[in-house]
Amino acid sequence: MYSARRADRDDGGAQVGWSPDLPHDRDRAVSALFATHWERLVRLATLLVDDRETAEEVVQDAFAATYDAWSRLRDTQAVLAYLQRSVVNGGRSRLRRRGVARRRVRALHVVASPSAAEIAEDRAETAAVRRAMARLPRRQRQVLVLRYYLDLSEAEIADTLQISRGAVKSYAARGLGALESAVAAGEGR
């Protein structure tokens, strides 16, 4: 069997553990494997991914991985098995990425934009809330704007308006109640 690890030398300087059928160094060995198995592995990958160009990329990646892993491979059967596993796993990985990409594209196309009627309704509701806000007492309006537009906490609102936290809660509750009533009654329109 061919050994991809560094060969030990006996006392006479002869290498022990190398098969005479493959070159001793990684570059020549991988080149020999490439020349012998490239086309067969590309056919295998093509069957997996159904695309010759992608199949060639998968096989090229498999040979690059084999070259990088050379020191861990022990014999020719292990090298060929490693190459085949790399091709199969690479093909599966490419198919998985294709599936994810297709799902993302479908998800982008599924997003529905609002209809003209929905947009008009939202704008009318927003205008009604703005008119109702304009009718609120100044402190209630200030508290609601700071809370829901600027997203400030009760403590930050109290500090900004120089009022107590209890007053902030009171103004917010009364302001929201007045807005609900005005919008429900259609007064803001």
N, C-alpha and C. Protein backbone atom coordinates (compact mmCIF):
# COMPACT_ATOMS: atom_id res chain seq x y z
N MET A 1 0.82 -1.19 0.00
CA MET A 1 0.00 0.00 0.00
C MET A 1 0.86 1.25 0.00
N TYR A 2 0.35 2.29 -0.59
CA TYR A 2 1.05 3.56 -0.70
C TYR A 2 0.84 4.32 0.59
N SER A 3 1.85 4.88 1.15
CA SER A 3 1.75 5.65 2.38
C SER A 3 2.00 7.11 2.08
N ALA A 4 1.09 7.99 2.53
CA ALA A 4 1.24 9.41 2.28
C ALA A 4 2.02 10.10 3.39
N ARG A 5 2.31 9.41 4.47
CA ARG A 5 3.09 10.03 5.53
C ARG A 5 4.56 9.97 5.18
N ARG A 6 5.34 10.74 5.88
CA ARG A 6 6.79 10.74 5.61
C ARG A 6 7.34 9.34 5.83
N ALA A 7 8.12 8.91 4.91
CA ALA A 7 8.67 7.56 5.00
C ALA A 7 9.85 7.55 5.96
N ASP A 8 9.95 6.47 6.70
CA ASP A 8 11.11 6.28 7.56
C ASP A 8 12.24 5.77 6.69
N ARG A 9 13.43 6.04 7.08
CA ARG A 9 14.58 5.54 6.32
C ARG A 9 15.27 4.46 7.13
N ASP A 10 15.63 3.40 6.46
CA ASP A 10 16.40 2.37 7.16
C ASP A 10 17.87 2.80 7.15
N ASP A 11 18.72 2.01 7.68
CA ASP A 11 20.13 2.37 7.80
C ASP A 11 20.80 2.65 6.47
N GLY A 12 20.32 2.02 5.41
CA GLY A 12 20.96 2.19 4.11
C GLY A 12 20.44 3.41 3.36
N GLY A 13 19.51 4.18 3.95
CA GLY A 13 18.97 5.36 3.31
C GLY A 13 17.80 5.07 2.40
N ALA A 14 17.40 3.81 2.25
CA ALA A 14 16.26 3.47 1.40
C ALA A 14 14.97 3.82 2.13
N GLN A 15 13.97 4.28 1.40
CA GLN A 15 12.69 4.63 2.03
C GLN A 15 11.88 3.37 2.27
N VAL A 16 11.26 3.32 3.46
CA VAL A 16 10.43 2.18 3.82
C VAL A 16 8.98 2.64 3.81
N GLY A 17 8.06 1.86 3.28
CA GLY A 17 6.64 2.17 3.33
C GLY A 17 6.09 2.83 2.09
N TRP A 18 6.84 3.04 1.06
CA TRP A 18 6.35 3.67 -0.15
C TRP A 18 6.09 2.63 -1.22
N SER A 19 4.98 2.78 -1.86
CA SER A 19 4.66 1.90 -2.98
C SER A 19 5.34 2.45 -4.23
N PRO A 20 5.88 1.62 -5.06
CA PRO A 20 6.58 2.11 -6.25
C PRO A 20 5.64 2.66 -7.31
N ASP A 21 4.28 2.43 -7.20
CA ASP A 21 3.37 2.83 -8.26
C ASP A 21 2.97 4.30 -8.20
N LEU A 22 3.16 4.99 -7.08
CA LEU A 22 2.82 6.41 -6.99
C LEU A 22 4.04 7.20 -6.53
N PRO A 23 4.11 8.46 -6.92
CA PRO A 23 5.25 9.29 -6.53
C PRO A 23 5.30 9.49 -5.01
N HIS A 24 6.48 9.79 -4.51
CA HIS A 24 6.67 9.96 -3.07
C HIS A 24 6.17 11.31 -2.57
N ASP A 25 6.30 12.34 -3.35
CA ASP A 25 5.94 13.66 -2.83
C ASP A 25 4.48 14.00 -3.14
N ARG A 26 3.95 14.85 -2.31
CA ARG A 26 2.53 15.24 -2.38
C ARG A 26 2.17 15.84 -3.73
N ASP A 27 2.98 16.75 -4.25
CA ASP A 27 2.64 17.42 -5.51
C ASP A 27 2.50 16.42 -6.66
N ARG A 28 3.47 15.54 -6.80
CA ARG A 28 3.41 14.57 -7.90
C ARG A 28 2.29 13.55 -7.67
N ALA A 29 2.06 13.14 -6.41
CA ALA A 29 1.01 12.15 -6.13
C ALA A 29 -0.37 12.71 -6.43
N VAL A 30 -0.63 13.94 -5.99
CA VAL A 30 -1.94 14.54 -6.24
C VAL A 30 -2.11 14.81 -7.74
N SER A 31 -1.05 15.20 -8.41
CA SER A 31 -1.12 15.39 -9.87
C SER A 31 -1.46 14.08 -10.58
N ALA A 32 -0.85 12.98 -10.13
CA ALA A 32 -1.14 11.68 -10.73
C ALA A 32 -2.59 11.27 -10.47
N LEU A 33 -3.08 11.51 -9.25
CA LEU A 33 -4.48 11.21 -8.93
C LEU A 33 -5.42 12.07 -9.78
N PHE A 34 -5.06 13.33 -9.94
CA PHE A 34 -5.86 14.25 -10.73
C PHE A 34 -5.97 13.74 -12.18
N ALA A 35 -4.85 13.38 -12.76
CA ALA A 35 -4.85 12.91 -14.15
C ALA A 35 -5.66 11.63 -14.31
N THR A 36 -5.62 10.78 -13.31
CA THR A 36 -6.29 9.49 -13.39
C THR A 36 -7.78 9.58 -13.07
N HIS A 37 -8.18 10.38 -12.10
CA HIS A 37 -9.55 10.33 -11.58
C HIS A 37 -10.40 11.58 -11.82
N TRP A 38 -9.84 12.63 -12.40
CA TRP A 38 -10.57 13.88 -12.59
C TRP A 38 -11.89 13.68 -13.31
N GLU A 39 -11.85 13.11 -14.47
CA GLU A 39 -13.07 13.00 -15.29
C GLU A 39 -14.14 12.15 -14.61
N ARG A 40 -13.74 11.04 -14.00
CA ARG A 40 -14.71 10.17 -13.31
C ARG A 40 -15.37 10.91 -12.15
N LEU A 41 -14.58 11.69 -11.39
CA LEU A 41 -15.14 12.43 -10.27
C LEU A 41 -16.04 13.58 -10.74
N VAL A 42 -15.70 14.18 -11.86
CA VAL A 42 -16.57 15.23 -12.42
C VAL A 42 -17.90 14.63 -12.86
N ARG A 43 -17.87 13.43 -13.47
CA ARG A 43 -19.13 12.77 -13.85
C ARG A 43 -19.97 12.49 -12.60
N LEU A 44 -19.33 12.01 -11.53
CA LEU A 44 -20.03 11.76 -10.28
C LEU A 44 -20.68 13.04 -9.75
N ALA A 45 -19.91 14.11 -9.71
CA ALA A 45 -20.42 15.38 -9.21
C ALA A 45 -21.54 15.93 -10.10
N THR A 46 -21.41 15.73 -11.41
CA THR A 46 -22.45 16.20 -12.33
C THR A 46 -23.76 15.49 -12.06
N LEU A 47 -23.69 14.21 -11.77
CA LEU A 47 -24.91 13.47 -11.42
C LEU A 47 -25.53 14.02 -10.13
N LEU A 48 -24.70 14.48 -9.22
CA LEU A 48 -25.21 15.00 -7.94
C LEU A 48 -25.80 16.40 -8.08
N VAL A 49 -25.10 17.29 -8.78
CA VAL A 49 -25.53 18.69 -8.81
C VAL A 49 -26.20 19.10 -10.11
N ASP A 50 -26.18 18.21 -11.14
CA ASP A 50 -26.86 18.45 -12.41
C ASP A 50 -26.37 19.71 -13.12
N ASP A 51 -25.06 19.97 -13.02
CA ASP A 51 -24.49 21.16 -13.64
C ASP A 51 -22.99 20.93 -13.78
N ARG A 52 -22.48 20.85 -14.98
CA ARG A 52 -21.07 20.50 -15.23
C ARG A 52 -20.12 21.53 -14.60
N GLU A 53 -20.43 22.81 -14.74
CA GLU A 53 -19.54 23.85 -14.20
C GLU A 53 -19.44 23.75 -12.67
N THR A 54 -20.57 23.60 -12.01
CA THR A 54 -20.56 23.44 -10.55
C THR A 54 -19.86 22.15 -10.17
N ALA A 55 -20.07 21.09 -10.95
CA ALA A 55 -19.43 19.80 -10.67
C ALA A 55 -17.91 19.94 -10.73
N GLU A 56 -17.41 20.66 -11.72
CA GLU A 56 -15.97 20.86 -11.81
C GLU A 56 -15.43 21.63 -10.61
N GLU A 57 -16.19 22.62 -10.15
CA GLU A 57 -15.78 23.38 -8.96
C GLU A 57 -15.75 22.47 -7.73
N VAL A 58 -16.74 21.61 -7.59
CA VAL A 58 -16.80 20.69 -6.46
C VAL A 58 -15.59 19.76 -6.47
N VAL A 59 -15.26 19.21 -7.64
CA VAL A 59 -14.12 18.30 -7.75
C VAL A 59 -12.81 19.05 -7.49
N GLN A 60 -12.71 20.24 -8.01
CA GLN A 60 -11.50 21.04 -7.76
C GLN A 60 -11.34 21.29 -6.26
N ASP A 61 -12.43 21.62 -5.58
CA ASP A 61 -12.37 21.81 -4.12
C ASP A 61 -11.96 20.52 -3.41
N ALA A 62 -12.44 19.39 -3.91
CA ALA A 62 -12.09 18.10 -3.31
C ALA A 62 -10.60 17.82 -3.46
N PHE A 63 -10.04 18.11 -4.63
CA PHE A 63 -8.59 17.92 -4.82
C PHE A 63 -7.79 18.88 -3.94
N ALA A 64 -8.27 20.11 -3.80
CA ALA A 64 -7.57 21.06 -2.92
C ALA A 64 -7.60 20.57 -1.48
N ALA A 65 -8.73 20.04 -1.04
CA ALA A 65 -8.84 19.50 0.32
C ALA A 65 -7.93 18.29 0.50
N THR A 66 -7.84 17.46 -0.53
CA THR A 66 -6.96 16.29 -0.48
C THR A 66 -5.51 16.73 -0.37
N TYR A 67 -5.14 17.72 -1.13
CA TYR A 67 -3.77 18.24 -1.07
C TYR A 67 -3.46 18.76 0.34
N ASP A 68 -4.42 19.51 0.92
CA ASP A 68 -4.23 20.05 2.26
C ASP A 68 -4.18 18.96 3.33
N ALA A 69 -4.93 17.88 3.14
CA ALA A 69 -5.02 16.81 4.14
C ALA A 69 -4.01 15.69 3.89
N TRP A 70 -3.11 15.89 2.97
CA TRP A 70 -2.21 14.83 2.53
C TRP A 70 -1.51 14.12 3.68
N SER A 71 -1.05 14.84 4.67
CA SER A 71 -0.28 14.22 5.76
C SER A 71 -1.13 13.29 6.62
N ARG A 72 -2.44 13.41 6.57
CA ARG A 72 -3.32 12.55 7.36
C ARG A 72 -3.78 11.30 6.60
N LEU A 73 -3.53 11.24 5.32
CA LEU A 73 -3.98 10.12 4.50
C LEU A 73 -2.90 9.05 4.46
N ARG A 74 -3.30 7.78 4.57
CA ARG A 74 -2.32 6.70 4.74
C ARG A 74 -2.07 5.82 3.53
N ASP A 75 -3.04 5.62 2.65
CA ASP A 75 -2.81 4.75 1.50
C ASP A 75 -3.67 5.18 0.32
N THR A 76 -3.44 4.58 -0.83
CA THR A 76 -4.15 4.99 -2.04
C THR A 76 -5.65 4.80 -1.92
N GLN A 77 -6.09 3.75 -1.28
CA GLN A 77 -7.52 3.52 -1.11
C GLN A 77 -8.12 4.62 -0.24
N ALA A 78 -7.40 5.05 0.76
CA ALA A 78 -7.88 6.13 1.62
C ALA A 78 -7.94 7.44 0.84
N VAL A 79 -6.97 7.68 -0.03
CA VAL A 79 -6.96 8.91 -0.83
C VAL A 79 -8.16 8.94 -1.76
N LEU A 80 -8.41 7.85 -2.46
CA LEU A 80 -9.55 7.80 -3.38
C LEU A 80 -10.87 7.91 -2.63
N ALA A 81 -10.97 7.24 -1.50
CA ALA A 81 -12.18 7.32 -0.69
C ALA A 81 -12.37 8.74 -0.18
N TYR A 82 -11.28 9.37 0.24
CA TYR A 82 -11.34 10.75 0.72
C TYR A 82 -11.82 11.68 -0.40
N LEU A 83 -11.27 11.51 -1.59
CA LEU A 83 -11.70 12.32 -2.74
C LEU A 83 -13.18 12.13 -3.03
N GLN A 84 -13.64 10.89 -3.06
CA GLN A 84 -15.04 10.62 -3.36
C GLN A 84 -15.95 11.20 -2.29
N ARG A 85 -15.59 11.03 -1.01
CA ARG A 85 -16.40 11.62 0.07
C ARG A 85 -16.43 13.14 -0.05
N SER A 86 -15.28 13.72 -0.38
CA SER A 86 -15.22 15.17 -0.54
C SER A 86 -16.13 15.64 -1.68
N VAL A 87 -16.16 14.89 -2.76
CA VAL A 87 -17.01 15.25 -3.91
C VAL A 87 -18.49 15.13 -3.51
N VAL A 88 -18.84 14.03 -2.88
CA VAL A 88 -20.24 13.82 -2.47
C VAL A 88 -20.67 14.90 -1.47
N ASN A 89 -19.85 15.14 -0.47
CA ASN A 89 -20.19 16.16 0.53
C ASN A 89 -20.23 17.55 -0.08
N GLY A 90 -19.30 17.84 -0.99
CA GLY A 90 -19.31 19.13 -1.66
C GLY A 90 -20.55 19.31 -2.52
N GLY A 91 -20.96 18.25 -3.21
CA GLY A 91 -22.18 18.31 -4.00
C GLY A 91 -23.40 18.55 -3.14
N ARG A 92 -23.47 17.84 -2.02
CA ARG A 92 -24.60 18.03 -1.10
C ARG A 92 -24.62 19.45 -0.55
N SER A 93 -23.46 19.97 -0.24
CA SER A 93 -23.37 21.33 0.27
C SER A 93 -23.86 22.34 -0.76
N ARG A 94 -23.45 22.16 -2.01
CA ARG A 94 -23.91 23.07 -3.08
C ARG A 94 -25.43 22.99 -3.25
N LEU A 95 -25.98 21.78 -3.21
CA LEU A 95 -27.43 21.63 -3.34
C LEU A 95 -28.16 22.28 -2.18
N ARG A 96 -27.62 22.15 -0.99
CA ARG A 96 -28.22 22.77 0.19
C ARG A 96 -28.23 24.29 0.03
N ARG A 97 -27.10 24.86 -0.42
CA ARG A 97 -27.03 26.31 -0.63
C ARG A 97 -28.01 26.77 -1.69
N ARG A 98 -28.16 25.98 -2.75
CA ARG A 98 -29.15 26.32 -3.78
C ARG A 98 -30.54 26.37 -3.20
N GLY A 99 -30.88 25.37 -2.37
CA GLY A 99 -32.20 25.33 -1.76
C GLY A 99 -32.46 26.52 -0.87
N VAL A 100 -31.46 26.90 -0.09
CA VAL A 100 -31.60 28.07 0.79
C VAL A 100 -31.80 29.32 -0.06
N ALA A 101 -31.02 29.46 -1.11
CA ALA A 101 -31.14 30.63 -1.98
C ALA A 101 -32.53 30.69 -2.63
N ARG A 102 -33.03 29.55 -3.08
CA ARG A 102 -34.37 29.53 -3.69
C ARG A 102 -35.44 29.92 -2.69
N ARG A 103 -35.32 29.41 -1.46
CA ARG A 103 -36.32 29.76 -0.44
C ARG A 103 -36.28 31.25 -0.12
N ARG A 104 -35.08 31.82 -0.09
CA ARG A 104 -34.97 33.26 0.18
C ARG A 104 -35.58 34.08 -0.94
N VAL A 105 -35.34 33.66 -2.17
CA VAL A 105 -35.92 34.38 -3.31
C VAL A 105 -37.44 34.29 -3.25
N ARG A 106 -37.96 33.08 -2.97
CA ARG A 106 -39.41 32.92 -2.87
C ARG A 106 -39.97 33.78 -1.75
N ALA A 107 -39.27 33.85 -0.62
CA ALA A 107 -39.74 34.65 0.51
C ALA A 107 -39.79 36.12 0.15
N LEU A 108 -38.83 36.58 -0.66
CA LEU A 108 -38.84 37.98 -1.08
C LEU A 108 -40.03 38.27 -1.98
N HIS A 109 -40.40 37.32 -2.81
CA HIS A 109 -41.51 37.54 -3.73
C HIS A 109 -42.86 37.38 -3.05
N VAL A 110 -42.91 36.68 -1.93
CA VAL A 110 -44.16 36.43 -1.24
C VAL A 110 -44.62 37.64 -0.43
N VAL A 111 -43.66 38.48 -0.04
CA VAL A 111 -43.98 39.65 0.76
C VAL A 111 -44.96 40.51 -0.02
N ALA A 112 -46.12 40.69 0.56
CA ALA A 112 -47.16 41.46 -0.11
C ALA A 112 -47.07 42.93 0.29
N SER A 113 -47.20 43.78 -0.67
CA SER A 113 -47.24 45.20 -0.36
C SER A 113 -48.69 45.58 -0.07
N PRO A 114 -48.87 46.58 0.76
CA PRO A 114 -50.24 46.97 1.10
C PRO A 114 -50.98 47.52 -0.13
N SER A 115 -52.27 47.31 -0.11
CA SER A 115 -53.09 47.80 -1.22
C SER A 115 -53.29 49.30 -1.07
N ALA A 116 -53.78 49.93 -2.12
CA ALA A 116 -54.03 51.37 -2.10
C ALA A 116 -55.07 51.71 -1.03
N ALA A 117 -56.04 50.84 -0.86
CA ALA A 117 -57.07 51.08 0.16
C ALA A 117 -56.48 51.03 1.56
N GLU A 118 -55.57 50.07 1.80
CA GLU A 118 -54.93 49.97 3.11
C GLU A 118 -54.06 51.19 3.40
N ILE A 119 -53.35 51.65 2.38
CA ILE A 119 -52.51 52.83 2.55
C ILE A 119 -53.37 54.05 2.86
N ALA A 120 -54.46 54.21 2.14
CA ALA A 120 -55.36 55.35 2.36
C ALA A 120 -55.97 55.29 3.77
N GLU A 121 -56.34 54.10 4.20
CA GLU A 121 -56.92 53.93 5.53
C GLU A 121 -55.90 54.27 6.62
N ASP A 122 -54.65 53.79 6.43
CA ASP A 122 -53.60 54.10 7.40
C ASP A 122 -53.34 55.60 7.48
N ARG A 123 -53.32 56.25 6.33
CA ARG A 123 -53.08 57.70 6.31
C ARG A 123 -54.22 58.46 6.97
N ALA A 124 -55.44 58.01 6.74
CA ALA A 124 -56.59 58.67 7.36
C ALA A 124 -56.57 58.49 8.88
N GLU A 125 -56.20 57.30 9.32
CA GLU A 125 -56.11 57.03 10.75
C GLU A 125 -55.00 57.86 11.39
N THR A 126 -53.86 57.97 10.70
CA THR A 126 -52.75 58.78 11.21
C THR A 126 -53.16 60.24 11.31
N ALA A 127 -53.84 60.73 10.32
CA ALA A 127 -54.30 62.13 10.34
C ALA A 127 -55.29 62.34 11.48
N ALA A 128 -56.17 61.37 11.72
CA ALA A 128 -57.16 61.49 12.80
C ALA A 128 -56.45 61.52 14.16
N VAL A 129 -55.43 60.69 14.34
CA VAL A 129 -54.69 60.68 15.61
C VAL A 129 -53.95 62.00 15.79
N ARG A 130 -53.38 62.54 14.72
CA ARG A 130 -52.67 63.83 14.83
C ARG A 130 -53.63 64.97 15.22
N ARG A 131 -54.81 64.96 14.62
CA ARG A 131 -55.79 66.01 14.98
C ARG A 131 -56.25 65.86 16.42
N ALA A 132 -56.44 64.61 16.85
CA ALA A 132 -56.85 64.38 18.24
C ALA A 132 -55.72 64.76 19.19
N MET A 133 -54.46 64.50 18.81
CA MET A 133 -53.31 64.90 19.64
C MET A 133 -53.26 66.41 19.79
N ALA A 134 -53.59 67.13 18.72
CA ALA A 134 -53.53 68.60 18.75
C ALA A 134 -54.54 69.16 19.75
N ARG A 135 -55.61 68.42 20.02
CA ARG A 135 -56.65 68.89 20.96
C ARG A 135 -56.32 68.56 22.41
N LEU A 136 -55.31 67.73 22.66
CA LEU A 136 -54.96 67.36 24.03
C LEU A 136 -54.32 68.53 24.76
N PRO A 137 -54.46 68.56 26.08
CA PRO A 137 -53.73 69.57 26.85
C PRO A 137 -52.21 69.41 26.62
N ARG A 138 -51.48 70.50 26.75
CA ARG A 138 -50.05 70.54 26.43
C ARG A 138 -49.25 69.46 27.14
N ARG A 139 -49.41 69.28 28.45
CA ARG A 139 -48.63 68.29 29.20
C ARG A 139 -48.93 66.85 28.74
N GLN A 140 -50.19 66.54 28.51
CA GLN A 140 -50.55 65.20 28.03
C GLN A 140 -49.90 64.94 26.68
N ARG A 141 -49.98 65.93 25.80
CA ARG A 141 -49.39 65.80 24.46
C ARG A 141 -47.87 65.62 24.59
N GLN A 142 -47.22 66.40 25.43
CA GLN A 142 -45.76 66.29 25.61
C GLN A 142 -45.37 64.90 26.12
N VAL A 143 -46.09 64.42 27.13
CA VAL A 143 -45.78 63.10 27.69
C VAL A 143 -45.96 62.01 26.63
N LEU A 144 -47.04 62.05 25.87
CA LEU A 144 -47.29 61.03 24.85
C LEU A 144 -46.24 61.07 23.74
N VAL A 145 -45.87 62.25 23.32
CA VAL A 145 -44.86 62.37 22.27
C VAL A 145 -43.52 61.84 22.77
N LEU A 146 -43.13 62.23 23.99
CA LEU A 146 -41.85 61.76 24.52
C LEU A 146 -41.85 60.24 24.72
N ARG A 147 -42.99 59.70 25.14
CA ARG A 147 -43.07 58.27 25.41
C ARG A 147 -43.14 57.44 24.13
N TYR A 148 -44.04 57.79 23.23
CA TYR A 148 -44.31 56.93 22.08
C TYR A 148 -43.59 57.35 20.80
N TYR A 149 -43.13 58.59 20.71
CA TYR A 149 -42.38 58.99 19.53
C TYR A 149 -40.88 58.88 19.77
N LEU A 150 -40.44 59.39 20.93
CA LEU A 150 -39.01 59.31 21.25
C LEU A 150 -38.65 58.07 22.06
N ASP A 151 -39.65 57.32 22.51
CA ASP A 151 -39.43 56.07 23.25
C ASP A 151 -38.63 56.28 24.54
N LEU A 152 -38.93 57.38 25.25
CA LEU A 152 -38.26 57.64 26.51
C LEU A 152 -38.95 56.89 27.64
N SER A 153 -38.20 56.57 28.68
CA SER A 153 -38.77 55.92 29.86
C SER A 153 -39.50 56.96 30.71
N GLU A 154 -40.27 56.47 31.68
CA GLU A 154 -40.97 57.39 32.58
C GLU A 154 -40.00 58.30 33.31
N ALA A 155 -38.88 57.74 33.76
CA ALA A 155 -37.88 58.54 34.48
C ALA A 155 -37.28 59.61 33.57
N GLU A 156 -37.00 59.26 32.31
CA GLU A 156 -36.44 60.24 31.37
C GLU A 156 -37.45 61.34 31.05
N ILE A 157 -38.71 60.98 30.93
CA ILE A 157 -39.75 61.98 30.67
C ILE A 157 -39.88 62.90 31.87
N ALA A 158 -39.90 62.33 33.07
CA ALA A 158 -40.01 63.13 34.29
C ALA A 158 -38.85 64.11 34.38
N ASP A 159 -37.64 63.65 34.06
CA ASP A 159 -36.46 64.50 34.11
C ASP A 159 -36.55 65.59 33.04
N THR A 160 -36.98 65.24 31.84
CA THR A 160 -37.07 66.20 30.74
C THR A 160 -38.09 67.29 31.03
N LEU A 161 -39.26 66.91 31.54
CA LEU A 161 -40.34 67.88 31.79
C LEU A 161 -40.29 68.46 33.20
N GLN A 162 -39.37 67.96 34.01
CA GLN A 162 -39.22 68.38 35.41
C GLN A 162 -40.52 68.23 36.18
N ILE A 163 -41.08 67.01 36.06
CA ILE A 163 -42.27 66.64 36.82
C ILE A 163 -41.99 65.28 37.46
N SER A 164 -42.86 64.85 38.36
CA SER A 164 -42.65 63.56 39.03
C SER A 164 -43.02 62.41 38.10
N ARG A 165 -42.53 61.20 38.45
CA ARG A 165 -42.87 60.01 37.67
C ARG A 165 -44.37 59.73 37.78
N GLY A 166 -44.96 59.99 38.92
CA GLY A 166 -46.39 59.80 39.10
C GLY A 166 -47.18 60.70 38.16
N ALA A 167 -46.72 61.94 38.00
CA ALA A 167 -47.39 62.88 37.09
C ALA A 167 -47.27 62.37 35.64
N VAL A 168 -46.10 61.79 35.29
CA VAL A 168 -45.91 61.25 33.95
C VAL A 168 -46.94 60.15 33.69
N LYS A 169 -47.10 59.25 34.67
CA LYS A 169 -48.07 58.15 34.53
C LYS A 169 -49.49 58.69 34.39
N SER A 170 -49.80 59.68 35.17
CA SER A 170 -51.14 60.26 35.15
C SER A 170 -51.43 60.94 33.81
N TYR A 171 -50.50 61.78 33.35
CA TYR A 171 -50.68 62.45 32.06
C TYR A 171 -50.78 61.44 30.92
N ALA A 172 -49.96 60.41 30.96
CA ALA A 172 -49.98 59.39 29.90
C ALA A 172 -51.32 58.67 29.89
N ALA A 173 -51.82 58.27 31.05
CA ALA A 173 -53.09 57.54 31.11
C ALA A 173 -54.24 58.41 30.62
N ARG A 174 -54.29 59.65 31.09
CA ARG A 174 -55.38 60.54 30.67
C ARG A 174 -55.28 60.88 29.18
N GLY A 175 -54.05 61.07 28.68
CA GLY A 175 -53.86 61.41 27.27
C GLY A 175 -54.26 60.25 26.35
N LEU A 176 -53.86 59.03 26.72
CA LEU A 176 -54.25 57.86 25.92
C LEU A 176 -55.76 57.65 25.93
N GLY A 177 -56.37 57.84 27.10
CA GLY A 177 -57.83 57.70 27.20
C GLY A 177 -58.54 58.71 26.31
N ALA A 178 -58.06 59.94 26.34
CA ALA A 178 -58.68 60.98 25.51
C ALA A 178 -58.49 60.68 24.02
N LEU A 179 -57.31 60.19 23.65
CA LEU A 179 -57.07 59.85 22.24
C LEU A 179 -57.98 58.73 21.78
N GLU A 180 -58.09 57.68 22.61
CA GLU A 180 -58.98 56.56 22.26
C GLU A 180 -60.40 57.03 22.05
N SER A 181 -60.88 57.82 22.95
CA SER A 181 -62.26 58.32 22.85
C SER A 181 -62.47 59.15 21.60
N ALA A 182 -61.50 60.06 21.33
CA ALA A 182 -61.63 60.96 20.19
C ALA A 182 -61.60 60.18 18.88
N VAL A 183 -60.69 59.22 18.76
CA VAL A 183 -60.59 58.45 17.52
C VAL A 183 -61.80 57.53 17.35
N ALA A 184 -62.26 56.90 18.43
CA ALA A 184 -63.42 56.02 18.37
C ALA A 184 -64.67 56.79 17.99
N ALA A 185 -64.79 58.01 18.49
CA ALA A 185 -65.98 58.83 18.20
C ALA A 185 -65.88 59.52 16.84
N GLY A 186 -64.71 59.44 16.22
CA GLY A 186 -64.55 60.07 14.93
C GLY A 186 -64.30 61.54 15.01
N GLU A 187 -63.97 62.04 16.20
CA GLU A 187 -63.76 63.46 16.37
C GLU A 187 -62.48 63.95 15.70
N GLY A 188 -61.52 63.07 15.56
CA GLY A 188 -60.26 63.47 14.96
C GLY A 188 -60.37 63.66 13.46
N ARG A 189 -61.47 63.23 12.87
CA ARG A 189 -61.60 63.25 11.40
C ARG A 189 -62.19 64.50 10.91
